[in-house]
């Protein structure tokens, strides 16, 4: 069983930065792929990016070059560093843990076994 708790959300002006954290419980954190998703008002939840157990990362086109995912296995924490934020980045951000080994299913919510409660990010123009 893994529990995930996100933190670090808030209100920021366009062009600003925020760092989200996702703290995990459980013994096997380092073995999980950790994904980030977001859901804007009135929209479906969408894939933001992922870090696999070995540290490799992949990003959605909409955030590539602006967002960076990293993980600290000793602290059982994954981070989402967001820069050059835009109003369209406003959403509730979720982290998720799953046993993924490749890119084929990384965008699917069903590929992830555990989810955090989400943290709100609001970007003002």
N, C-alpha and C. Protein backbone atom coordinates (compact mmCIF):
# COMPACT_ATOMS: atom_id res chain seq x y z
N UNK A 1 0.85 -1.19 0.00
CA UNK A 1 0.00 0.00 0.00
C UNK A 1 0.88 1.23 0.00
N UNK A 2 0.52 2.19 -0.81
CA UNK A 2 1.25 3.45 -0.91
C UNK A 2 0.28 4.60 -0.72
N UNK A 3 0.66 5.53 0.10
CA UNK A 3 -0.11 6.76 0.26
C UNK A 3 0.70 7.92 -0.28
N UNK A 4 0.03 8.80 -1.01
CA UNK A 4 0.70 9.92 -1.65
C UNK A 4 0.06 11.22 -1.16
N UNK A 5 0.89 12.19 -0.82
CA UNK A 5 0.41 13.48 -0.35
C UNK A 5 1.13 14.58 -1.11
N UNK A 6 0.38 15.35 -1.89
CA UNK A 6 0.95 16.47 -2.62
C UNK A 6 0.95 17.74 -1.77
N UNK A 7 1.88 18.61 -2.07
CA UNK A 7 1.94 19.92 -1.42
C UNK A 7 2.65 20.89 -2.35
N UNK A 8 2.54 22.17 -2.02
CA UNK A 8 3.27 23.19 -2.76
C UNK A 8 2.45 24.00 -3.72
N UNK A 9 1.17 23.68 -3.86
CA UNK A 9 0.33 24.46 -4.74
C UNK A 9 0.07 25.86 -4.20
N UNK A 10 -0.51 26.68 -5.06
CA UNK A 10 -0.81 28.04 -4.63
C UNK A 10 -1.14 28.93 -5.80
N UNK A 11 -1.13 30.23 -5.53
CA UNK A 11 -1.42 31.24 -6.54
C UNK A 11 -0.12 31.89 -6.98
N UNK A 12 0.07 31.98 -8.28
CA UNK A 12 1.29 32.57 -8.81
C UNK A 12 0.94 33.37 -10.06
N UNK A 13 1.70 34.40 -10.33
CA UNK A 13 1.48 35.19 -11.53
C UNK A 13 2.06 34.48 -12.75
N UNK A 14 1.50 34.79 -13.90
CA UNK A 14 2.02 34.24 -15.14
C UNK A 14 3.50 34.57 -15.27
N UNK A 15 4.25 33.57 -15.71
CA UNK A 15 5.70 33.73 -15.81
C UNK A 15 6.45 33.28 -14.58
N UNK A 16 5.72 33.04 -13.51
CA UNK A 16 6.35 32.63 -12.26
C UNK A 16 6.61 31.14 -12.19
N UNK A 17 7.07 30.73 -11.01
CA UNK A 17 7.44 29.33 -10.79
C UNK A 17 6.82 28.79 -9.51
N UNK A 18 6.64 27.48 -9.49
CA UNK A 18 6.20 26.77 -8.29
C UNK A 18 6.85 25.40 -8.31
N UNK A 19 7.06 24.84 -7.13
CA UNK A 19 7.52 23.47 -7.03
C UNK A 19 6.54 22.67 -6.21
N UNK A 20 6.00 21.66 -6.82
CA UNK A 20 5.11 20.74 -6.12
C UNK A 20 5.91 19.56 -5.61
N UNK A 21 5.48 19.06 -4.48
CA UNK A 21 6.09 17.87 -3.89
C UNK A 21 5.02 16.79 -3.72
N UNK A 22 5.45 15.57 -3.80
CA UNK A 22 4.56 14.44 -3.57
C UNK A 22 5.31 13.46 -2.68
N UNK A 23 4.90 13.39 -1.42
CA UNK A 23 5.55 12.53 -0.45
C UNK A 23 4.82 11.20 -0.38
N UNK A 24 5.58 10.12 -0.41
CA UNK A 24 5.00 8.78 -0.44
C UNK A 24 5.34 7.99 0.81
N UNK A 25 4.45 7.13 1.17
CA UNK A 25 4.73 6.15 2.22
C UNK A 25 4.94 4.80 1.53
N UNK A 26 5.39 3.83 2.27
CA UNK A 26 5.58 2.50 1.68
C UNK A 26 7.03 2.20 1.42
N UNK A 27 7.36 0.92 1.35
CA UNK A 27 8.74 0.49 1.27
C UNK A 27 9.29 0.45 -0.13
N UNK A 28 8.43 0.42 -1.12
CA UNK A 28 8.89 0.17 -2.48
C UNK A 28 8.81 1.39 -3.37
N UNK A 29 8.90 2.57 -2.80
CA UNK A 29 8.75 3.80 -3.57
C UNK A 29 9.70 3.82 -4.75
N UNK A 30 10.93 3.44 -4.54
CA UNK A 30 11.94 3.54 -5.60
C UNK A 30 11.62 2.67 -6.80
N UNK A 31 10.78 1.69 -6.64
CA UNK A 31 10.43 0.78 -7.73
C UNK A 31 9.28 1.30 -8.59
N UNK A 32 8.57 2.28 -8.08
CA UNK A 32 7.40 2.79 -8.79
C UNK A 32 7.78 3.85 -9.82
N UNK A 33 7.06 3.83 -10.92
CA UNK A 33 7.03 5.00 -11.79
C UNK A 33 6.07 6.01 -11.16
N UNK A 34 6.46 7.27 -11.19
CA UNK A 34 5.65 8.33 -10.58
C UNK A 34 5.21 9.30 -11.66
N UNK A 35 3.91 9.42 -11.80
CA UNK A 35 3.36 10.31 -12.80
C UNK A 35 2.73 11.55 -12.18
N UNK A 36 2.68 12.59 -12.97
CA UNK A 36 1.95 13.81 -12.60
C UNK A 36 0.83 14.02 -13.62
N UNK A 37 -0.34 14.33 -13.12
CA UNK A 37 -1.50 14.64 -13.94
C UNK A 37 -2.08 15.97 -13.45
N UNK A 38 -2.96 16.53 -14.25
CA UNK A 38 -3.65 17.74 -13.81
C UNK A 38 -5.05 17.76 -14.40
N UNK A 39 -5.92 18.45 -13.70
CA UNK A 39 -7.31 18.58 -14.15
C UNK A 39 -7.75 20.02 -13.97
N UNK A 40 -8.03 20.66 -15.09
CA UNK A 40 -8.53 22.02 -15.08
C UNK A 40 -10.06 21.99 -14.96
N UNK A 41 -10.64 23.09 -14.50
CA UNK A 41 -12.10 23.13 -14.35
C UNK A 41 -12.81 22.82 -15.67
N UNK A 42 -13.75 21.88 -15.59
CA UNK A 42 -14.53 21.54 -16.77
C UNK A 42 -13.83 20.67 -17.78
N UNK A 43 -12.62 20.22 -17.45
CA UNK A 43 -11.85 19.40 -18.39
C UNK A 43 -11.50 18.06 -17.77
N UNK A 44 -11.13 17.13 -18.63
CA UNK A 44 -10.70 15.83 -18.15
C UNK A 44 -9.27 15.93 -17.59
N UNK A 45 -8.96 14.98 -16.72
CA UNK A 45 -7.61 14.94 -16.18
C UNK A 45 -6.64 14.55 -17.30
N UNK A 46 -5.50 15.23 -17.32
CA UNK A 46 -4.54 15.00 -18.39
C UNK A 46 -3.16 14.70 -17.84
N UNK A 47 -2.42 13.95 -18.60
CA UNK A 47 -1.06 13.57 -18.26
C UNK A 47 -0.13 14.77 -18.39
N UNK A 48 0.74 14.94 -17.40
CA UNK A 48 1.73 16.01 -17.40
C UNK A 48 3.13 15.45 -17.65
N UNK A 49 3.47 14.42 -16.94
CA UNK A 49 4.80 13.85 -17.09
C UNK A 49 5.00 12.67 -16.16
N UNK A 50 6.16 12.05 -16.29
CA UNK A 50 6.44 10.84 -15.51
C UNK A 50 7.93 10.72 -15.26
N UNK A 51 8.27 10.13 -14.13
CA UNK A 51 9.63 9.69 -13.88
C UNK A 51 9.58 8.21 -13.56
N UNK A 52 10.37 7.44 -14.30
CA UNK A 52 10.41 6.02 -14.04
C UNK A 52 11.35 5.71 -12.87
N UNK A 53 11.34 4.48 -12.46
CA UNK A 53 12.11 4.11 -11.27
C UNK A 53 13.59 4.43 -11.44
N UNK A 54 14.11 4.36 -12.62
CA UNK A 54 15.51 4.66 -12.85
C UNK A 54 15.83 6.13 -13.01
N UNK A 55 14.79 6.98 -12.96
CA UNK A 55 15.00 8.42 -13.04
C UNK A 55 14.73 9.04 -14.41
N UNK A 56 14.54 8.21 -15.41
CA UNK A 56 14.23 8.77 -16.74
C UNK A 56 12.90 9.48 -16.68
N UNK A 57 12.78 10.55 -17.46
CA UNK A 57 11.55 11.35 -17.43
C UNK A 57 10.99 11.52 -18.84
N UNK A 58 9.70 11.84 -18.86
CA UNK A 58 9.02 12.14 -20.12
C UNK A 58 7.93 13.15 -19.81
N UNK A 59 7.70 14.08 -20.76
CA UNK A 59 6.76 15.16 -20.52
C UNK A 59 5.75 15.29 -21.65
N UNK A 60 4.58 15.76 -21.29
CA UNK A 60 3.61 16.13 -22.30
C UNK A 60 4.14 17.32 -23.09
N UNK A 61 3.71 17.41 -24.33
CA UNK A 61 4.19 18.50 -25.18
C UNK A 61 3.88 19.87 -24.58
N UNK A 62 2.74 19.97 -23.91
CA UNK A 62 2.29 21.26 -23.39
C UNK A 62 3.19 21.80 -22.29
N UNK A 63 3.99 20.95 -21.67
CA UNK A 63 4.83 21.41 -20.54
C UNK A 63 6.31 21.18 -20.77
N UNK A 64 6.65 20.47 -21.83
CA UNK A 64 8.06 20.15 -22.06
C UNK A 64 8.87 21.43 -22.21
N UNK A 65 9.98 21.48 -21.52
CA UNK A 65 10.83 22.67 -21.54
C UNK A 65 10.50 23.66 -20.45
N UNK A 66 9.34 23.52 -19.82
CA UNK A 66 8.95 24.43 -18.72
C UNK A 66 8.86 23.69 -17.38
N UNK A 67 8.50 22.44 -17.42
CA UNK A 67 8.33 21.64 -16.20
C UNK A 67 9.44 20.60 -16.11
N UNK A 68 9.85 20.31 -14.88
CA UNK A 68 10.88 19.29 -14.65
C UNK A 68 10.44 18.40 -13.50
N UNK A 69 10.50 17.12 -13.73
CA UNK A 69 10.17 16.13 -12.69
C UNK A 69 11.47 15.52 -12.18
N UNK A 70 11.55 15.41 -10.87
CA UNK A 70 12.69 14.75 -10.25
C UNK A 70 12.20 13.92 -9.07
N UNK A 71 13.04 13.03 -8.62
CA UNK A 71 12.65 12.20 -7.49
C UNK A 71 13.84 12.01 -6.55
N UNK A 72 13.53 11.90 -5.28
CA UNK A 72 14.52 11.62 -4.25
C UNK A 72 14.05 10.35 -3.56
N UNK A 73 14.63 9.23 -3.93
CA UNK A 73 14.16 7.96 -3.39
C UNK A 73 14.43 7.84 -1.89
N UNK A 74 15.49 8.45 -1.42
CA UNK A 74 15.78 8.40 0.02
C UNK A 74 14.71 9.10 0.82
N UNK A 75 14.16 10.16 0.26
CA UNK A 75 13.09 10.90 0.94
C UNK A 75 11.70 10.44 0.51
N UNK A 76 11.66 9.50 -0.43
CA UNK A 76 10.37 9.00 -0.94
C UNK A 76 9.50 10.15 -1.44
N UNK A 77 10.11 11.01 -2.20
CA UNK A 77 9.42 12.21 -2.67
C UNK A 77 9.71 12.43 -4.14
N UNK A 78 8.69 12.85 -4.86
CA UNK A 78 8.85 13.25 -6.25
C UNK A 78 8.43 14.71 -6.36
N UNK A 79 9.11 15.42 -7.23
CA UNK A 79 8.90 16.86 -7.35
C UNK A 79 8.46 17.21 -8.78
N UNK A 80 7.69 18.27 -8.85
CA UNK A 80 7.34 18.85 -10.14
C UNK A 80 7.69 20.32 -10.08
N UNK A 81 8.80 20.68 -10.72
CA UNK A 81 9.23 22.07 -10.79
C UNK A 81 8.59 22.69 -12.01
N UNK A 82 7.81 23.73 -11.79
CA UNK A 82 7.08 24.39 -12.87
C UNK A 82 7.59 25.81 -13.04
N UNK A 83 7.99 26.13 -14.24
CA UNK A 83 8.49 27.45 -14.55
C UNK A 83 7.74 28.04 -15.74
N UNK A 84 7.91 29.34 -15.93
CA UNK A 84 7.22 30.02 -17.04
C UNK A 84 5.74 29.66 -17.07
N UNK A 85 5.12 29.73 -15.91
CA UNK A 85 3.73 29.30 -15.80
C UNK A 85 2.80 30.20 -16.59
N UNK A 86 1.75 29.58 -17.09
CA UNK A 86 0.77 30.26 -17.91
C UNK A 86 -0.62 30.10 -17.27
N UNK A 87 -1.54 30.99 -17.56
CA UNK A 87 -2.89 30.83 -17.01
C UNK A 87 -3.50 29.47 -17.35
N UNK A 88 -3.17 28.93 -18.50
CA UNK A 88 -3.72 27.63 -18.88
C UNK A 88 -3.12 26.46 -18.10
N UNK A 89 -2.13 26.72 -17.28
CA UNK A 89 -1.60 25.69 -16.38
C UNK A 89 -2.43 25.58 -15.10
N UNK A 90 -3.39 26.47 -14.93
CA UNK A 90 -4.26 26.42 -13.75
C UNK A 90 -5.02 25.11 -13.72
N UNK A 91 -4.88 24.39 -12.61
CA UNK A 91 -5.49 23.07 -12.48
C UNK A 91 -5.23 22.52 -11.09
N UNK A 92 -5.90 21.44 -10.80
CA UNK A 92 -5.52 20.62 -9.65
C UNK A 92 -4.50 19.60 -10.15
N UNK A 93 -3.37 19.55 -9.47
CA UNK A 93 -2.29 18.66 -9.87
C UNK A 93 -2.25 17.44 -8.96
N UNK A 94 -2.12 16.28 -9.58
CA UNK A 94 -2.12 15.01 -8.87
C UNK A 94 -0.83 14.25 -9.16
N UNK A 95 -0.30 13.58 -8.16
CA UNK A 95 0.75 12.61 -8.42
C UNK A 95 0.15 11.21 -8.30
N UNK A 96 0.79 10.28 -8.97
CA UNK A 96 0.28 8.91 -9.01
C UNK A 96 1.45 7.95 -9.10
N UNK A 97 1.27 6.77 -8.55
CA UNK A 97 2.32 5.74 -8.55
C UNK A 97 1.81 4.50 -9.26
N UNK A 98 2.68 3.93 -10.07
CA UNK A 98 2.28 2.72 -10.79
C UNK A 98 3.47 1.90 -11.20
N UNK A 99 3.20 0.65 -11.56
CA UNK A 99 4.25 -0.26 -12.01
C UNK A 99 4.34 -0.19 -13.53
N UNK A 100 4.97 0.86 -14.03
CA UNK A 100 5.13 1.03 -15.47
C UNK A 100 6.58 0.83 -15.84
N UNK A 101 6.80 0.18 -16.96
CA UNK A 101 8.17 -0.01 -17.41
C UNK A 101 8.43 0.65 -18.76
N UNK A 102 7.41 1.10 -19.44
CA UNK A 102 7.60 1.71 -20.75
C UNK A 102 6.61 2.84 -20.97
N UNK A 103 6.66 3.42 -22.16
CA UNK A 103 5.88 4.60 -22.46
C UNK A 103 4.48 4.31 -22.96
N UNK A 104 4.20 3.06 -23.28
CA UNK A 104 2.95 2.74 -23.97
C UNK A 104 1.72 3.17 -23.19
N UNK A 105 1.75 3.00 -21.89
CA UNK A 105 0.54 3.25 -21.10
C UNK A 105 0.70 4.39 -20.11
N UNK A 106 1.71 5.20 -20.25
CA UNK A 106 1.99 6.20 -19.22
C UNK A 106 0.93 7.28 -19.13
N UNK A 107 0.20 7.51 -20.23
CA UNK A 107 -0.81 8.57 -20.21
C UNK A 107 -2.14 8.09 -19.64
N UNK A 108 -2.28 6.82 -19.42
CA UNK A 108 -3.56 6.27 -18.97
C UNK A 108 -3.66 6.30 -17.45
N UNK A 109 -4.74 6.85 -16.95
CA UNK A 109 -4.93 6.90 -15.50
C UNK A 109 -5.00 5.48 -14.92
N UNK A 110 -5.53 4.57 -15.68
CA UNK A 110 -5.68 3.19 -15.20
C UNK A 110 -4.35 2.48 -15.01
N UNK A 111 -3.27 3.05 -15.52
CA UNK A 111 -1.94 2.45 -15.35
C UNK A 111 -1.37 2.68 -13.97
N UNK A 112 -1.99 3.56 -13.21
CA UNK A 112 -1.48 3.95 -11.90
C UNK A 112 -2.36 3.38 -10.79
N UNK A 113 -1.71 2.86 -9.78
CA UNK A 113 -2.43 2.18 -8.70
C UNK A 113 -2.79 3.09 -7.54
N UNK A 114 -2.00 4.12 -7.34
CA UNK A 114 -2.19 4.99 -6.17
C UNK A 114 -2.17 6.44 -6.61
N UNK A 115 -3.02 7.24 -5.96
CA UNK A 115 -3.17 8.65 -6.30
C UNK A 115 -3.16 9.50 -5.04
N UNK A 116 -2.61 10.70 -5.20
CA UNK A 116 -2.71 11.67 -4.13
C UNK A 116 -4.04 12.40 -4.21
N UNK A 117 -4.23 13.30 -3.25
CA UNK A 117 -5.50 14.02 -3.16
C UNK A 117 -5.55 15.25 -4.06
N UNK A 118 -4.40 15.65 -4.56
CA UNK A 118 -4.34 16.80 -5.45
C UNK A 118 -4.00 18.09 -4.72
N UNK A 119 -3.38 19.00 -5.45
CA UNK A 119 -3.07 20.33 -4.92
C UNK A 119 -3.39 21.35 -6.01
N UNK A 120 -4.01 22.45 -5.61
CA UNK A 120 -4.47 23.45 -6.55
C UNK A 120 -3.33 24.39 -6.95
N UNK A 121 -3.21 24.59 -8.25
CA UNK A 121 -2.29 25.59 -8.79
C UNK A 121 -3.11 26.58 -9.60
N UNK A 122 -2.99 27.85 -9.26
CA UNK A 122 -3.71 28.89 -9.96
C UNK A 122 -2.71 29.91 -10.49
N UNK A 123 -2.76 30.14 -11.80
CA UNK A 123 -1.85 31.08 -12.44
C UNK A 123 -2.67 32.27 -12.92
N UNK A 124 -2.36 33.43 -12.39
CA UNK A 124 -3.10 34.64 -12.77
C UNK A 124 -2.40 35.35 -13.92
N UNK A 125 -3.20 36.00 -14.74
CA UNK A 125 -2.63 36.69 -15.91
C UNK A 125 -2.30 38.13 -15.58
